[in-house]
Amino acid sequence: MMNVAMIPCPYCGVPQPARITFEVVVDLARDDLPDMVPVTQTADLRPAKAHAETCRSRRTR
């Protein structure tokens, strides 16, 4: 499953995407399978970071 969070650029204020992925590790064959399990979330900040670095370099010229 993947969602997208929008993070405002600290230099220009334009929202930048951060893809959030969720991972669930569970054995569905277990007889005692719980109703709820922990979820691991990871945010990919590479596009937002690249934009902020470019935006910062433009403003410091």
PDB file of N, CA and C in Angstrom:
ATOM      1  N   MET A   1       0.848  -1.176   0.000  1.00  0.00           N
ATOM      2  CA  MET A   1       0.000   0.000   0.000  1.00  0.00           C
ATOM      3  C   MET A   1       0.889   1.232   0.000  1.00  0.00           C
ATOM      4  N   MET A   2       0.493   2.255  -0.751  1.00  0.00           N
ATOM      5  CA  MET A   2       1.287   3.474  -0.802  1.00  0.00           C
ATOM      6  C   MET A   2       0.380   4.695  -0.744  1.00  0.00           C
ATOM      7  N   ASN A   3       0.785   5.649   0.060  1.00  0.00           N
ATOM      8  CA  ASN A   3       0.108   6.938   0.156  1.00  0.00           C
ATOM      9  C   ASN A   3       1.126   8.026  -0.132  1.00  0.00           C
ATOM     10  N   VAL A   4       0.653   9.240  -0.314  1.00  0.00           N
ATOM     11  CA  VAL A   4       1.541  10.369  -0.557  1.00  0.00           C
ATOM     12  C   VAL A   4       1.215  11.471   0.439  1.00  0.00           C
ATOM     13  N   ALA A   5       2.250  11.949   1.113  1.00  0.00           N
ATOM     14  CA  ALA A   5       2.114  13.103   2.001  1.00  0.00           C
ATOM     15  C   ALA A   5       2.735  14.287   1.276  1.00  0.00           C
ATOM     16  N   MET A   6       2.183  15.451   1.481  1.00  0.00           N
ATOM     17  CA  MET A   6       2.720  16.653   0.861  1.00  0.00           C
ATOM     18  C   MET A   6       3.444  17.471   1.942  1.00  0.00           C
ATOM     19  N   ILE A   7       4.713  17.779   1.673  1.00  0.00           N
ATOM     20  CA  ILE A   7       5.549  18.519   2.617  1.00  0.00           C
ATOM     21  C   ILE A   7       5.897  19.866   1.976  1.00  0.00           C
ATOM     22  N   PRO A   8       5.591  20.983   2.642  1.00  0.00           N
ATOM     23  CA  PRO A   8       5.905  22.283   2.040  1.00  0.00           C
ATOM     24  C   PRO A   8       7.416  22.528   2.011  1.00  0.00           C
ATOM     25  N   CYS A   9       7.898  23.055   0.902  1.00  0.00           N
ATOM     26  CA  CYS A   9       9.313  23.420   0.763  1.00  0.00           C
ATOM     27  C   CYS A   9       9.583  24.587   1.708  1.00  0.00           C
ATOM     28  N   PRO A  10      10.660  24.512   2.505  1.00  0.00           N
ATOM     29  CA  PRO A  10      10.943  25.610   3.428  1.00  0.00           C
ATOM     30  C   PRO A  10      11.431  26.876   2.728  1.00  0.00           C
ATOM     31  N   TYR A  11      11.763  26.792   1.451  1.00  0.00           N
ATOM     32  CA  TYR A  11      12.299  27.947   0.726  1.00  0.00           C
ATOM     33  C   TYR A  11      11.244  28.655  -0.124  1.00  0.00           C
ATOM     34  N   CYS A  12      10.364  27.883  -0.792  1.00  0.00           N
ATOM     35  CA  CYS A  12       9.364  28.521  -1.657  1.00  0.00           C
ATOM     36  C   CYS A  12       7.927  28.252  -1.201  1.00  0.00           C
ATOM     37  N   GLY A  13       7.740  27.286  -0.301  1.00  0.00           N
ATOM     38  CA  GLY A  13       6.412  26.997   0.226  1.00  0.00           C
ATOM     39  C   GLY A  13       5.567  26.073  -0.628  1.00  0.00           C
ATOM     40  N   VAL A  14       6.081  25.649  -1.783  1.00  0.00           N
ATOM     41  CA  VAL A  14       5.319  24.765  -2.672  1.00  0.00           C
ATOM     42  C   VAL A  14       5.324  23.349  -2.093  1.00  0.00           C
ATOM     43  N   PRO A  15       4.158  22.717  -1.947  1.00  0.00           N
ATOM     44  CA  PRO A  15       4.110  21.361  -1.406  1.00  0.00           C
ATOM     45  C   PRO A  15       4.828  20.355  -2.320  1.00  0.00           C
ATOM     46  N   GLN A  16       5.638  19.496  -1.697  1.00  0.00           N
ATOM     47  CA  GLN A  16       6.393  18.477  -2.417  1.00  0.00           C
ATOM     48  C   GLN A  16       5.945  17.102  -1.943  1.00  0.00           C
ATOM     49  N   PRO A  17       5.929  16.103  -2.846  1.00  0.00           N
ATOM     50  CA  PRO A  17       5.442  14.774  -2.477  1.00  0.00           C
ATOM     51  C   PRO A  17       6.468  13.965  -1.681  1.00  0.00           C
ATOM     52  N   ALA A  18       5.959  13.196  -0.747  1.00  0.00           N
ATOM     53  CA  ALA A  18       6.758  12.208  -0.022  1.00  0.00           C
ATOM     54  C   ALA A  18       5.937  10.924  -0.027  1.00  0.00           C
ATOM     55  N   ARG A  19       6.418   9.930  -0.759  1.00  0.00           N
ATOM     56  CA  ARG A  19       5.685   8.666  -0.855  1.00  0.00           C
ATOM     57  C   ARG A  19       5.860   7.860   0.426  1.00  0.00           C
ATOM     58  N   ILE A  20       4.745   7.421   0.983  1.00  0.00           N
ATOM     59  CA  ILE A  20       4.765   6.644   2.219  1.00  0.00           C
ATOM     60  C   ILE A  20       4.328   5.219   1.896  1.00  0.00           C
ATOM     61  N   THR A  21       5.175   4.261   2.248  1.00  0.00           N
ATOM     62  CA  THR A  21       4.833   2.855   2.032  1.00  0.00           C
ATOM     63  C   THR A  21       4.632   2.188   3.386  1.00  0.00           C
ATOM     64  N   PHE A  22       3.726   1.248   3.412  1.00  0.00           N
ATOM     65  CA  PHE A  22       3.407   0.492   4.615  1.00  0.00           C
ATOM     66  C   PHE A  22       3.758  -0.969   4.382  1.00  0.00           C
ATOM     67  N   GLU A  23       4.350  -1.587   5.366  1.00  0.00           N
ATOM     68  CA  GLU A  23       4.692  -2.998   5.243  1.00  0.00           C
ATOM     69  C   GLU A  23       4.191  -3.735   6.474  1.00  0.00           C
ATOM     70  N   VAL A  24       3.503  -4.836   6.224  1.00  0.00           N
ATOM     71  CA  VAL A  24       2.993  -5.681   7.298  1.00  0.00           C
ATOM     72  C   VAL A  24       3.608  -7.066   7.126  1.00  0.00           C
ATOM     73  N   VAL A  25       4.256  -7.537   8.171  1.00  0.00           N
ATOM     74  CA  VAL A  25       4.836  -8.877   8.136  1.00  0.00           C
ATOM     75  C   VAL A  25       4.000  -9.756   9.061  1.00  0.00           C
ATOM     76  N   VAL A  26       3.288 -10.690   8.447  1.00  0.00           N
ATOM     77  CA  VAL A  26       2.409 -11.561   9.230  1.00  0.00           C
ATOM     78  C   VAL A  26       2.294 -12.916   8.537  1.00  0.00           C
ATOM     79  N   ASP A  27       2.174 -13.954   9.314  1.00  0.00           N
ATOM     80  CA  ASP A  27       2.002 -15.306   8.786  1.00  0.00           C
ATOM     81  C   ASP A  27       0.508 -15.631   8.825  1.00  0.00           C
ATOM     82  N   LEU A  28      -0.127 -15.558   7.670  1.00  0.00           N
ATOM     83  CA  LEU A  28      -1.575 -15.781   7.612  1.00  0.00           C
ATOM     84  C   LEU A  28      -1.962 -17.231   7.879  1.00  0.00           C
ATOM     85  N   ALA A  29      -0.989 -18.126   7.890  1.00  0.00           N
ATOM     86  CA  ALA A  29      -1.278 -19.543   8.148  1.00  0.00           C
ATOM     87  C   ALA A  29      -1.316 -19.870   9.641  1.00  0.00           C
ATOM     88  N   ARG A  30      -0.981 -18.905  10.477  1.00  0.00           N
ATOM     89  CA  ARG A  30      -0.986 -19.154  11.927  1.00  0.00           C
ATOM     90  C   ARG A  30      -2.396 -19.435  12.418  1.00  0.00           C
ATOM     91  N   ASP A  31      -2.521 -20.383  13.341  1.00  0.00           N
ATOM     92  CA  ASP A  31      -3.828 -20.682  13.934  1.00  0.00           C
ATOM     93  C   ASP A  31      -4.249 -19.596  14.929  1.00  0.00           C
ATOM     94  N   ASP A  32      -3.267 -18.981  15.578  1.00  0.00           N
ATOM     95  CA  ASP A  32      -3.566 -17.959  16.589  1.00  0.00           C
ATOM     96  C   ASP A  32      -3.320 -16.555  16.039  1.00  0.00           C
ATOM     97  N   LEU A  33      -3.732 -16.324  14.811  1.00  0.00           N
ATOM     98  CA  LEU A  33      -3.522 -15.038  14.146  1.00  0.00           C
ATOM     99  C   LEU A  33      -4.255 -13.926  14.905  1.00  0.00           C
ATOM    100  N   PRO A  34      -3.536 -12.872  15.318  1.00  0.00           N
ATOM    101  CA  PRO A  34      -4.190 -11.787  16.058  1.00  0.00           C
ATOM    102  C   PRO A  34      -5.063 -10.938  15.132  1.00  0.00           C
ATOM    103  N   ASP A  35      -5.956 -10.163  15.737  1.00  0.00           N
ATOM    104  CA  ASP A  35      -6.823  -9.268  14.968  1.00  0.00           C
ATOM    105  C   ASP A  35      -6.053  -8.056  14.449  1.00  0.00           C
ATOM    106  N   MET A  36      -5.018  -7.644  15.171  1.00  0.00           N
ATOM    107  CA  MET A  36      -4.222  -6.489  14.777  1.00  0.00           C
ATOM    108  C   MET A  36      -2.744  -6.846  14.830  1.00  0.00           C
ATOM    109  N   VAL A  37      -1.969  -6.258  13.915  1.00  0.00           N
ATOM    110  CA  VAL A  37      -0.525  -6.484  13.889  1.00  0.00           C
ATOM    111  C   VAL A  37       0.182  -5.146  13.667  1.00  0.00           C
ATOM    112  N   PRO A  38       1.461  -5.033  14.076  1.00  0.00           N
ATOM    113  CA  PRO A  38       2.206  -3.797  13.855  1.00  0.00           C
ATOM    114  C   PRO A  38       2.468  -3.559  12.371  1.00  0.00           C
ATOM    115  N   VAL A  39       2.578  -2.294  12.003  1.00  0.00           N
ATOM    116  CA  VAL A  39       2.839  -1.884  10.626  1.00  0.00           C
ATOM    117  C   VAL A  39       4.107  -1.029  10.613  1.00  0.00           C
ATOM    118  N   THR A  40       4.957  -1.261   9.627  1.00  0.00           N
ATOM    119  CA  THR A  40       6.154  -0.454   9.444  1.00  0.00           C
ATOM    120  C   THR A  40       5.884   0.555   8.336  1.00  0.00           C
ATOM    121  N   GLN A  41       6.196   1.827   8.593  1.00  0.00           N
ATOM    122  CA  GLN A  41       5.998   2.876   7.596  1.00  0.00           C
ATOM    123  C   GLN A  41       7.353   3.450   7.183  1.00  0.00           C
ATOM    124  N   THR A  42       7.479   3.744   5.895  1.00  0.00           N
ATOM    125  CA  THR A  42       8.689   4.350   5.368  1.00  0.00           C
ATOM    126  C   THR A  42       8.298   5.505   4.459  1.00  0.00           C
ATOM    127  N   ALA A  43       8.938   6.649   4.646  1.00  0.00           N
ATOM    128  CA  ALA A  43       8.664   7.813   3.793  1.00  0.00           C
ATOM    129  C   ALA A  43       9.863   8.050   2.877  1.00  0.00           C
ATOM    130  N   ASP A  44       9.603   8.131   1.578  1.00  0.00           N
ATOM    131  CA  ASP A  44      10.638   8.406   0.582  1.00  0.00           C
ATOM    132  C   ASP A  44      10.690   9.913   0.364  1.00  0.00           C
ATOM    133  N   LEU A  45      11.706  10.550   0.931  1.00  0.00           N
ATOM    134  CA  LEU A  45      11.828  12.004   0.870  1.00  0.00           C
ATOM    135  C   LEU A  45      12.708  12.487  -0.276  1.00  0.00           C
ATOM    136  N   ARG A  46      13.209  11.580  -1.109  1.00  0.00           N
ATOM    137  CA  ARG A  46      14.150  11.960  -2.167  1.00  0.00           C
ATOM    138  C   ARG A  46      13.627  13.061  -3.089  1.00  0.00           C
ATOM    139  N   PRO A  47      12.396  12.981  -3.628  1.00  0.00           N
ATOM    140  CA  PRO A  47      11.924  14.061  -4.508  1.00  0.00           C
ATOM    141  C   PRO A  47      11.822  15.412  -3.777  1.00  0.00           C
ATOM    142  N   ALA A  48      11.307  15.400  -2.558  1.00  0.00           N
ATOM    143  CA  ALA A  48      11.166  16.642  -1.792  1.00  0.00           C
ATOM    144  C   ALA A  48      12.535  17.208  -1.427  1.00  0.00           C
ATOM    145  N   LYS A  49      13.468  16.338  -1.074  1.00  0.00           N
ATOM    146  CA  LYS A  49      14.822  16.771  -0.720  1.00  0.00           C
ATOM    147  C   LYS A  49      15.533  17.387  -1.925  1.00  0.00           C
ATOM    148  N   ALA A  50      15.392  16.748  -3.084  1.00  0.00           N
ATOM    149  CA  ALA A  50      16.019  17.271  -4.307  1.00  0.00           C
ATOM    150  C   ALA A  50      15.462  18.649  -4.641  1.00  0.00           C
ATOM    151  N   HIS A  51      14.145  18.812  -4.515  1.00  0.00           N
ATOM    152  CA  HIS A  51      13.533  20.115  -4.790  1.00  0.00           C
ATOM    153  C   HIS A  51      14.069  21.161  -3.820  1.00  0.00           C
ATOM    154  N   ALA A  52      14.112  20.838  -2.530  1.00  0.00           N
ATOM    155  CA  ALA A  52      14.563  21.803  -1.525  1.00  0.00           C
ATOM    156  C   ALA A  52      16.020  22.206  -1.759  1.00  0.00           C
ATOM    157  N   GLU A  53      16.868  21.247  -2.136  1.00  0.00           N
ATOM    158  CA  GLU A  53      18.266  21.568  -2.411  1.00  0.00           C
ATOM    159  C   GLU A  53      18.392  22.500  -3.614  1.00  0.00           C
ATOM    160  N   THR A  54      17.613  22.233  -4.659  1.00  0.00           N
ATOM    161  CA  THR A  54      17.628  23.094  -5.844  1.00  0.00           C
ATOM    162  C   THR A  54      17.083  24.476  -5.501  1.00  0.00           C
ATOM    163  N   CYS A  55      16.001  24.513  -4.768  1.00  0.00           N
ATOM    164  CA  CYS A  55      15.360  25.773  -4.394  1.00  0.00           C
ATOM    165  C   CYS A  55      16.311  26.603  -3.518  1.00  0.00           C
ATOM    166  N   ARG A  56      17.003  25.953  -2.592  1.00  0.00           N
ATOM    167  CA  ARG A  56      17.953  26.648  -1.713  1.00  0.00           C
ATOM    168  C   ARG A  56      19.099  27.244  -2.533  1.00  0.00           C
ATOM    169  N   SER A  57      19.624  26.482  -3.484  1.00  0.00           N
ATOM    170  CA  SER A  57      20.745  26.988  -4.281  1.00  0.00           C
ATOM    171  C   SER A  57      20.315  28.173  -5.160  1.00  0.00           C
ATOM    172  N   ARG A  58      19.069  28.187  -5.608  1.00  0.00           N
ATOM    173  CA  ARG A  58      18.578  29.320  -6.392  1.00  0.00           C
ATOM    174  C   ARG A  58      18.473  30.574  -5.541  1.00  0.00           C
ATOM    175  N   ARG A  59      18.074  30.414  -4.284  1.00  0.00           N
ATOM    176  CA  ARG A  59      17.883  31.569  -3.409  1.00  0.00           C
ATOM    177  C   ARG A  59      19.202  32.120  -2.866  1.00  0.00           C
ATOM    178  N   THR A  60      20.257  31.314  -2.850  1.00  0.00           N
ATOM    179  CA  THR A  60      21.522  31.775  -2.275  1.00  0.00           C
ATOM    180  C   THR A  60      22.474  32.341  -3.328  1.00  0.00           C
ATOM    181  N   ARG A  61      22.038  32.403  -4.572  1.00  0.00           N
ATOM    182  CA  ARG A  61      22.898  32.958  -5.636  1.00  0.00           C
ATOM    183  C   ARG A  61      22.959  34.447  -5.544  1.00  0.00           C
TER     184      ARG A  61
END
